């Protein structure tokens, strides 16, 4: 039997350029996985991240 993580809506806003991404993710063991790597401006570290449960 596999455990399914809780689905969450994740809003990521880049602090460098202001671009906003809205993604679906899974919350498992205190981590949220969306597959997001970096912004289109090549920023990969400095973001505002907000999560909302479905």
Protein backbone atom coordinates (compact mmCIF):
# COMPACT_ATOMS: atom_id res chain seq x y z
CA UNK A 1 0.00 0.00 0.00
CA UNK A 2 1.40 3.42 -0.93
CA UNK A 3 0.64 6.60 0.97
CA UNK A 4 -0.59 9.56 -1.01
CA UNK A 5 0.51 13.02 0.13
CA UNK A 6 -1.87 15.90 0.67
CA UNK A 7 -2.47 17.99 -2.44
CA UNK A 8 -1.76 21.72 -2.03
CA UNK A 9 -1.90 24.83 -4.21
CA UNK A 10 1.47 26.61 -4.20
CA UNK A 11 1.95 30.24 -5.24
CA UNK A 12 5.58 31.18 -5.89
CA UNK A 13 6.58 34.80 -6.52
CA UNK A 14 10.12 35.69 -7.61
CA UNK A 15 11.67 38.43 -5.45
CA UNK A 16 14.03 39.42 -8.30
CA UNK A 17 11.59 40.06 -11.17
CA UNK A 18 8.10 39.68 -9.64
CA UNK A 19 7.00 36.79 -11.88
CA UNK A 20 4.29 34.62 -10.30
CA UNK A 21 3.81 30.88 -10.69
CA UNK A 22 0.77 28.93 -9.46
CA UNK A 23 1.43 25.19 -9.16
CA UNK A 24 -0.06 22.06 -7.65
CA UNK A 25 2.12 20.13 -5.25
CA UNK A 26 2.17 17.26 -2.79
CA UNK A 27 2.92 17.71 0.89
CA UNK A 28 4.75 14.68 2.28
CA UNK A 29 6.70 14.41 5.52
CA UNK A 30 6.93 18.20 5.99
CA UNK A 31 8.15 18.89 2.42
CA UNK A 32 6.22 20.26 -0.54
CA UNK A 33 7.17 18.92 -3.97
CA UNK A 34 6.09 20.86 -7.08
CA UNK A 35 9.01 20.19 -9.41
CA UNK A 36 9.76 23.95 -9.59
CA UNK A 37 13.46 24.63 -10.22
CA UNK A 38 14.00 28.31 -11.16
CA UNK A 39 12.34 31.46 -12.46
CA UNK A 40 12.58 32.61 -16.08
CA UNK A 41 15.07 35.27 -14.91
CA UNK A 42 17.42 32.43 -13.75
CA UNK A 43 16.76 33.12 -10.04
CA UNK A 44 16.80 29.81 -8.16
CA UNK A 45 17.00 30.89 -4.50
CA UNK A 46 14.98 34.02 -3.59
CA UNK A 47 11.18 33.47 -3.60
CA UNK A 48 8.03 34.19 -1.62
CA UNK A 49 6.17 30.88 -1.26
CA UNK A 50 2.55 30.51 -0.11
CA UNK A 51 0.58 27.27 0.18
CA UNK A 52 -3.16 26.58 0.36
CA UNK A 53 -4.83 23.21 0.93
CA UNK A 54 -7.39 22.05 -1.64
